[in-house]
């Protein structure tokens, strides 16, 4: 299928996005660490897709949603520097990392919090099936929609798809935007890891309603 001119322009625009650098710093170490990380160790990432050579993949897996979120403009109002966040090693919390954005000179980018956080402010997000090809165990069809609130897991939703999509949902919940999209409050590339049979579009609903129930519609 030949892409339309609009699709071609969007593809070119996507390739021009320059992702920021990140730094992970060990802030706490308890017990034995297979990689022998120590407090004060620092690891610079060229961007969220390029970890340093031989860096612990367990730590990457834990920190990835946070790195992804910071890359696309999320802010964590409970941190003194809202452009940073802490994550822990998934293997018994042996190591804690502080993830920060850094500039081209390696300086930490700082944005002080402007107010005392009053608690979570979960966003409403809509997951829609954009494309469906081949066999899907969950029988998802184009147009199927699932609405989620904050980081609550949707009841009965495909675990593999949700695992793949979680960094997007996490980022959107903390205000991330995607400048290469026509609607920067959405992204339409999250893809089923099982053969790519399903492609989803995730959209943040800016005007949240008071209904906290997770809804599903097909």
C-alpha atoms as a PDB file:
ATOM      1  CA  UNK A   1       0.000   0.000   0.000  1.00  0.00           C
ATOM      2  CA  UNK A   2       1.448   3.346  -1.086  1.00  0.00           C
ATOM      3  CA  UNK A   3       1.309   5.970   1.696  1.00  0.00           C
ATOM      4  CA  UNK A   4      -0.554   9.209   1.032  1.00  0.00           C
ATOM      5  CA  UNK A   5       1.258  12.543   0.908  1.00  0.00           C
ATOM      6  CA  UNK A   6      -0.088  13.353   4.354  1.00  0.00           C
ATOM      7  CA  UNK A   7       1.318  10.085   5.707  1.00  0.00           C
ATOM      8  CA  UNK A   8       4.662  10.736   4.003  1.00  0.00           C
ATOM      9  CA  UNK A   9       4.875  14.210   5.564  1.00  0.00           C
ATOM     10  CA  UNK A  10       4.128  12.733   8.966  1.00  0.00           C
ATOM     11  CA  UNK A  11       6.812  10.065   8.486  1.00  0.00           C
ATOM     12  CA  UNK A  12       9.403  12.698   7.555  1.00  0.00           C
ATOM     13  CA  UNK A  13       8.380  14.858  10.521  1.00  0.00           C
ATOM     14  CA  UNK A  14       8.793  11.905  12.873  1.00  0.00           C
ATOM     15  CA  UNK A  15      12.367  11.295  11.715  1.00  0.00           C
ATOM     16  CA  UNK A  16      13.282  14.893  12.590  1.00  0.00           C
ATOM     17  CA  UNK A  17      12.461  14.521  16.278  1.00  0.00           C
ATOM     18  CA  UNK A  18      15.608  14.807  18.379  1.00  0.00           C
ATOM     19  CA  UNK A  19      15.282  13.065  21.700  1.00  0.00           C
ATOM     20  CA  UNK A  20      16.952  14.494  24.828  1.00  0.00           C
ATOM     21  CA  UNK A  21      19.790  12.845  26.711  1.00  0.00           C
ATOM     22  CA  UNK A  22      19.190  11.293  30.107  1.00  0.00           C
ATOM     23  CA  UNK A  23      21.258  10.394  33.140  1.00  0.00           C
ATOM     24  CA  UNK A  24      20.668   7.663  35.702  1.00  0.00           C
ATOM     25  CA  UNK A  25      22.447   8.112  39.030  1.00  0.00           C
ATOM     26  CA  UNK A  26      22.608   5.469  41.748  1.00  0.00           C
ATOM     27  CA  UNK A  27      21.165   7.082  44.894  1.00  0.00           C
ATOM     28  CA  UNK A  28      20.827   3.984  47.074  1.00  0.00           C
ATOM     29  CA  UNK A  29      22.370   0.502  47.127  1.00  0.00           C
ATOM     30  CA  UNK A  30      21.353  -2.361  49.406  1.00  0.00           C
ATOM     31  CA  UNK A  31      22.597  -5.936  49.218  1.00  0.00           C
ATOM     32  CA  UNK A  32      24.418  -7.621  46.364  1.00  0.00           C
ATOM     33  CA  UNK A  33      24.157  -6.055  42.910  1.00  0.00           C
ATOM     34  CA  UNK A  34      25.134  -8.296  39.992  1.00  0.00           C
ATOM     35  CA  UNK A  35      26.538  -5.252  38.182  1.00  0.00           C
ATOM     36  CA  UNK A  36      28.308  -3.960  41.308  1.00  0.00           C
ATOM     37  CA  UNK A  37      26.618  -0.572  41.079  1.00  0.00           C
ATOM     38  CA  UNK A  38      27.474   1.804  43.903  1.00  0.00           C
ATOM     39  CA  UNK A  39      25.974   5.046  45.210  1.00  0.00           C
ATOM     40  CA  UNK A  40      27.170   7.905  43.030  1.00  0.00           C
ATOM     41  CA  UNK A  41      27.616   5.851  39.847  1.00  0.00           C
ATOM     42  CA  UNK A  42      26.260   7.730  36.837  1.00  0.00           C
ATOM     43  CA  UNK A  43      25.156   6.447  33.449  1.00  0.00           C
ATOM     44  CA  UNK A  44      24.434   8.725  30.495  1.00  0.00           C
ATOM     45  CA  UNK A  45      21.947   7.697  27.809  1.00  0.00           C
ATOM     46  CA  UNK A  46      22.160   9.264  24.342  1.00  0.00           C
ATOM     47  CA  UNK A  47      18.367   9.098  24.490  1.00  0.00           C
ATOM     48  CA  UNK A  48      15.734   6.770  25.880  1.00  0.00           C
ATOM     49  CA  UNK A  49      16.458   4.231  23.117  1.00  0.00           C
ATOM     50  CA  UNK A  50      20.258   4.101  23.613  1.00  0.00           C
ATOM     51  CA  UNK A  51      21.447   2.760  26.986  1.00  0.00           C
ATOM     52  CA  UNK A  52      25.161   2.610  27.780  1.00  0.00           C
ATOM     53  CA  UNK A  53      26.951  -0.587  26.771  1.00  0.00           C
ATOM     54  CA  UNK A  54      26.335  -3.508  29.171  1.00  0.00           C
ATOM     55  CA  UNK A  55      23.933  -1.497  31.327  1.00  0.00           C
ATOM     56  CA  UNK A  56      21.605  -3.669  33.425  1.00  0.00           C
ATOM     57  CA  UNK A  57      18.503  -4.543  31.398  1.00  0.00           C
ATOM     58  CA  UNK A  58      16.499  -5.085  34.574  1.00  0.00           C
ATOM     59  CA  UNK A  59      17.172  -1.481  35.558  1.00  0.00           C
ATOM     60  CA  UNK A  60      16.297  -0.335  32.026  1.00  0.00           C
ATOM     61  CA  UNK A  61      13.013  -2.208  32.169  1.00  0.00           C
ATOM     62  CA  UNK A  62      12.146  -0.542  35.476  1.00  0.00           C
ATOM     63  CA  UNK A  63      13.179   2.956  34.409  1.00  0.00           C
ATOM     64  CA  UNK A  64      11.987   2.871  30.789  1.00  0.00           C
ATOM     65  CA  UNK A  65       8.467   4.248  31.366  1.00  0.00           C
ATOM     66  CA  UNK A  66      10.019   7.142  33.302  1.00  0.00           C
ATOM     67  CA  UNK A  67      12.656   7.848  30.650  1.00  0.00           C
ATOM     68  CA  UNK A  68       9.976   7.704  27.959  1.00  0.00           C
ATOM     69  CA  UNK A  69       7.750  10.054  29.930  1.00  0.00           C
ATOM     70  CA  UNK A  70      10.515  12.624  30.537  1.00  0.00           C
ATOM     71  CA  UNK A  71      11.482  12.471  26.869  1.00  0.00           C
ATOM     72  CA  UNK A  72       8.032  13.650  25.834  1.00  0.00           C
ATOM     73  CA  UNK A  73       7.572  16.383  28.411  1.00  0.00           C
ATOM     74  CA  UNK A  74       6.047  14.678  31.433  1.00  0.00           C
ATOM     75  CA  UNK A  75       6.559  16.338  34.801  1.00  0.00           C
ATOM     76  CA  UNK A  76       6.528  14.741  38.243  1.00  0.00           C
ATOM     77  CA  UNK A  77       5.138  17.335  40.631  1.00  0.00           C
ATOM     78  CA  UNK A  78       6.134  15.375  43.739  1.00  0.00           C
ATOM     79  CA  UNK A  79       9.849  15.756  42.914  1.00  0.00           C
ATOM     80  CA  UNK A  80      11.890  18.858  43.838  1.00  0.00           C
ATOM     81  CA  UNK A  81      13.025  18.842  40.209  1.00  0.00           C
ATOM     82  CA  UNK A  82       9.857  17.962  38.314  1.00  0.00           C
ATOM     83  CA  UNK A  83      11.976  16.818  35.358  1.00  0.00           C
ATOM     84  CA  UNK A  84      13.308  13.875  37.351  1.00  0.00           C
ATOM     85  CA  UNK A  85      12.048  10.725  39.039  1.00  0.00           C
ATOM     86  CA  UNK A  86      13.382   7.812  41.088  1.00  0.00           C
ATOM     87  CA  UNK A  87      12.986   4.125  40.253  1.00  0.00           C
ATOM     88  CA  UNK A  88      14.162   0.970  41.984  1.00  0.00           C
ATOM     89  CA  UNK A  89      15.811  -2.209  40.810  1.00  0.00           C
ATOM     90  CA  UNK A  90      13.155  -4.884  40.134  1.00  0.00           C
ATOM     91  CA  UNK A  91      15.360  -7.497  41.848  1.00  0.00           C
ATOM     92  CA  UNK A  92      14.648  -6.910  45.529  1.00  0.00           C
ATOM     93  CA  UNK A  93      15.073  -3.099  45.420  1.00  0.00           C
ATOM     94  CA  UNK A  94      18.850  -3.538  45.637  1.00  0.00           C
ATOM     95  CA  UNK A  95      19.563  -0.334  43.725  1.00  0.00           C
ATOM     96  CA  UNK A  96      17.707   2.968  43.433  1.00  0.00           C
ATOM     97  CA  UNK A  97      18.240   5.267  40.457  1.00  0.00           C
ATOM     98  CA  UNK A  98      17.488   8.940  39.915  1.00  0.00           C
ATOM     99  CA  UNK A  99      16.581   9.625  36.289  1.00  0.00           C
ATOM    100  CA  UNK A 100      17.154  13.160  34.989  1.00  0.00           C
ATOM    101  CA  UNK A 101      17.238  15.010  31.694  1.00  0.00           C
ATOM    102  CA  UNK A 102      20.617  16.458  30.703  1.00  0.00           C
ATOM    103  CA  UNK A 103      21.593  18.992  28.062  1.00  0.00           C
ATOM    104  CA  UNK A 104      24.210  18.628  25.340  1.00  0.00           C
ATOM    105  CA  UNK A 105      26.923  19.667  27.808  1.00  0.00           C
ATOM    106  CA  UNK A 106      25.922  17.065  30.359  1.00  0.00           C
ATOM    107  CA  UNK A 107      24.288  19.520  32.747  1.00  0.00           C
ATOM    108  CA  UNK A 108      21.121  18.438  34.531  1.00  0.00           C
ATOM    109  CA  UNK A 109      18.020  20.273  33.312  1.00  0.00           C
ATOM    110  CA  UNK A 110      16.176  21.565  36.368  1.00  0.00           C
ATOM    111  CA  UNK A 111      12.618  22.803  36.769  1.00  0.00           C
ATOM    112  CA  UNK A 112      11.739  23.344  40.454  1.00  0.00           C
ATOM    113  CA  UNK A 113       8.278  22.317  41.579  1.00  0.00           C
ATOM    114  CA  UNK A 114       5.991  25.320  41.829  1.00  0.00           C
ATOM    115  CA  UNK A 115       3.609  24.055  44.475  1.00  0.00           C
ATOM    116  CA  UNK A 116       3.204  21.421  47.148  1.00  0.00           C
ATOM    117  CA  UNK A 117       1.618  18.346  45.580  1.00  0.00           C
ATOM    118  CA  UNK A 118      -1.882  17.589  46.827  1.00  0.00           C
ATOM    119  CA  UNK A 119      -2.010  14.002  45.636  1.00  0.00           C
ATOM    120  CA  UNK A 120      -2.485  12.088  42.390  1.00  0.00           C
ATOM    121  CA  UNK A 121      -4.336  13.754  39.545  1.00  0.00           C
ATOM    122  CA  UNK A 122      -5.104  10.790  37.282  1.00  0.00           C
ATOM    123  CA  UNK A 123      -5.875  11.505  33.647  1.00  0.00           C
ATOM    124  CA  UNK A 124      -8.505   9.769  31.544  1.00  0.00           C
ATOM    125  CA  UNK A 125      -7.133   7.995  28.483  1.00  0.00           C
ATOM    126  CA  UNK A 126      -8.878   6.244  25.626  1.00  0.00           C
ATOM    127  CA  UNK A 127      -7.344   3.201  23.953  1.00  0.00           C
ATOM    128  CA  UNK A 128      -8.749   2.519  20.487  1.00  0.00           C
ATOM    129  CA  UNK A 129      -7.949  -0.256  18.015  1.00  0.00           C
ATOM    130  CA  UNK A 130      -6.632   1.531  14.922  1.00  0.00           C
ATOM    131  CA  UNK A 131      -5.693  -1.504  12.809  1.00  0.00           C
ATOM    132  CA  UNK A 132      -6.461  -5.204  13.113  1.00  0.00           C
ATOM    133  CA  UNK A 133      -4.900  -7.861  10.879  1.00  0.00           C
ATOM    134  CA  UNK A 134      -4.469 -11.584  11.343  1.00  0.00           C
ATOM    135  CA  UNK A 135      -5.709 -13.521  14.350  1.00  0.00           C
ATOM    136  CA  UNK A 136      -6.096 -11.843  17.735  1.00  0.00           C
ATOM    137  CA  UNK A 137      -6.766 -14.055  20.771  1.00  0.00           C
ATOM    138  CA  UNK A 138      -8.834 -11.243  22.290  1.00  0.00           C
ATOM    139  CA  UNK A 139     -10.747 -10.709  19.030  1.00  0.00           C
ATOM    140  CA  UNK A 140     -10.041  -6.990  19.001  1.00  0.00           C
ATOM    141  CA  UNK A 141     -11.628  -5.181  16.076  1.00  0.00           C
ATOM    142  CA  UNK A 142     -11.042  -1.763  14.515  1.00  0.00           C
ATOM    143  CA  UNK A 143     -12.916   0.811  16.552  1.00  0.00           C
ATOM    144  CA  UNK A 144     -12.928  -1.138  19.835  1.00  0.00           C
ATOM    145  CA  UNK A 145     -12.337   1.275  22.704  1.00  0.00           C
ATOM    146  CA  UNK A 146     -11.200   0.962  26.302  1.00  0.00           C
ATOM    147  CA  UNK A 147     -11.163   3.915  28.690  1.00  0.00           C
ATOM    148  CA  UNK A 148      -8.711   3.939  31.588  1.00  0.00           C
ATOM    149  CA  UNK A 149      -8.204   6.309  34.491  1.00  0.00           C
ATOM    150  CA  UNK A 150      -4.652   7.033  35.562  1.00  0.00           C
ATOM    151  CA  UNK A 151      -2.592   3.906  36.103  1.00  0.00           C
ATOM    152  CA  UNK A 152      -5.506   1.577  36.846  1.00  0.00           C
ATOM    153  CA  UNK A 153      -5.252  -1.565  34.733  1.00  0.00           C
ATOM    154  CA  UNK A 154      -8.274  -2.162  32.492  1.00  0.00           C
ATOM    155  CA  UNK A 155     -10.257  -5.256  33.464  1.00  0.00           C
ATOM    156  CA  UNK A 156      -9.806  -8.125  31.004  1.00  0.00           C
ATOM    157  CA  UNK A 157      -7.426  -6.230  28.718  1.00  0.00           C
ATOM    158  CA  UNK A 158      -4.684  -8.184  26.910  1.00  0.00           C
ATOM    159  CA  UNK A 159      -1.671  -8.310  29.239  1.00  0.00           C
ATOM    160  CA  UNK A 160       0.894  -8.318  26.431  1.00  0.00           C
ATOM    161  CA  UNK A 161      -0.698  -5.289  24.793  1.00  0.00           C
ATOM    162  CA  UNK A 162      -0.941  -3.443  28.110  1.00  0.00           C
ATOM    163  CA  UNK A 163       2.701  -4.202  28.933  1.00  0.00           C
ATOM    164  CA  UNK A 164       3.741  -2.774  25.580  1.00  0.00           C
ATOM    165  CA  UNK A 165       1.471   0.244  25.990  1.00  0.00           C
ATOM    166  CA  UNK A 166       2.228   1.058  29.636  1.00  0.00           C
ATOM    167  CA  UNK A 167       5.066   3.551  28.953  1.00  0.00           C
ATOM    168  CA  UNK A 168       2.647   5.555  26.777  1.00  0.00           C
ATOM    169  CA  UNK A 169      -0.111   5.500  29.392  1.00  0.00           C
ATOM    170  CA  UNK A 170       2.353   6.358  32.157  1.00  0.00           C
ATOM    171  CA  UNK A 171       3.770   9.259  30.144  1.00  0.00           C
ATOM    172  CA  UNK A 172       0.357  10.633  29.220  1.00  0.00           C
ATOM    173  CA  UNK A 173      -0.815  10.421  32.815  1.00  0.00           C
ATOM    174  CA  UNK A 174       1.971  12.859  33.761  1.00  0.00           C
ATOM    175  CA  UNK A 175       1.347  15.289  30.916  1.00  0.00           C
ATOM    176  CA  UNK A 176       3.520  14.044  28.052  1.00  0.00           C
ATOM    177  CA  UNK A 177       2.741  15.257  24.538  1.00  0.00           C
ATOM    178  CA  UNK A 178       3.795  13.928  21.137  1.00  0.00           C
ATOM    179  CA  UNK A 179       4.704  16.870  18.881  1.00  0.00           C
ATOM    180  CA  UNK A 180       4.936  14.739  15.752  1.00  0.00           C
ATOM    181  CA  UNK A 181       1.242  13.820  15.999  1.00  0.00           C
ATOM    182  CA  UNK A 182      -1.546  15.921  14.517  1.00  0.00           C
ATOM    183  CA  UNK A 183      -3.122  15.705  17.976  1.00  0.00           C
ATOM    184  CA  UNK A 184      -0.183  15.926  20.419  1.00  0.00           C
ATOM    185  CA  UNK A 185      -2.361  14.444  23.158  1.00  0.00           C
ATOM    186  CA  UNK A 186      -2.418  11.136  21.296  1.00  0.00           C
ATOM    187  CA  UNK A 187      -0.153   8.579  19.672  1.00  0.00           C
ATOM    188  CA  UNK A 188      -1.093   5.912  17.130  1.00  0.00           C
ATOM    189  CA  UNK A 189       1.933   3.607  17.010  1.00  0.00           C
ATOM    190  CA  UNK A 190       1.575   1.221  20.025  1.00  0.00           C
ATOM    191  CA  UNK A 191       1.673  -2.205  18.391  1.00  0.00           C
ATOM    192  CA  UNK A 192       0.831  -5.713  19.539  1.00  0.00           C
ATOM    193  CA  UNK A 193       4.094  -7.612  20.237  1.00  0.00           C
ATOM    194  CA  UNK A 194       2.591 -10.845  18.871  1.00  0.00           C
ATOM    195  CA  UNK A 195       3.045 -10.406  15.139  1.00  0.00           C
ATOM    196  CA  UNK A 196       1.849  -6.823  15.092  1.00  0.00           C
ATOM    197  CA  UNK A 197      -1.730  -7.946  14.523  1.00  0.00           C
ATOM    198  CA  UNK A 198      -3.186  -5.005  16.439  1.00  0.00           C
ATOM    199  CA  UNK A 199      -2.152  -1.346  16.349  1.00  0.00           C
ATOM    200  CA  UNK A 200      -3.657   0.948  18.942  1.00  0.00           C
ATOM    201  CA  UNK A 201      -4.260   4.665  19.208  1.00  0.00           C
ATOM    202  CA  UNK A 202      -4.018   6.114  22.721  1.00  0.00           C
ATOM    203  CA  UNK A 203      -5.553   9.502  23.424  1.00  0.00           C
ATOM    204  CA  UNK A 204      -5.615  11.575  26.586  1.00  0.00           C
ATOM    205  CA  UNK A 205      -9.034  13.063  27.291  1.00  0.00           C
ATOM    206  CA  UNK A 206      -8.183  16.540  28.529  1.00  0.00           C
ATOM    207  CA  UNK A 207     -11.526  17.168  30.190  1.00  0.00           C
ATOM    208  CA  UNK A 208     -11.753  14.434  32.817  1.00  0.00           C
ATOM    209  CA  UNK A 209     -15.162  13.619  34.214  1.00  0.00           C
ATOM    210  CA  UNK A 210     -15.837  12.579  37.785  1.00  0.00           C
ATOM    211  CA  UNK A 211     -16.577   8.966  36.904  1.00  0.00           C
ATOM    212  CA  UNK A 212     -13.571   6.938  38.005  1.00  0.00           C
ATOM    213  CA  UNK A 213     -14.936   3.642  36.727  1.00  0.00           C
ATOM    214  CA  UNK A 214     -13.020   1.878  33.994  1.00  0.00           C
ATOM    215  CA  UNK A 215     -15.266   1.469  31.002  1.00  0.00           C
ATOM    216  CA  UNK A 216     -15.003  -0.766  27.975  1.00  0.00           C
ATOM    217  CA  UNK A 217     -16.923  -0.403  24.732  1.00  0.00           C
ATOM    218  CA  UNK A 218     -16.923  -2.479  21.624  1.00  0.00           C
END
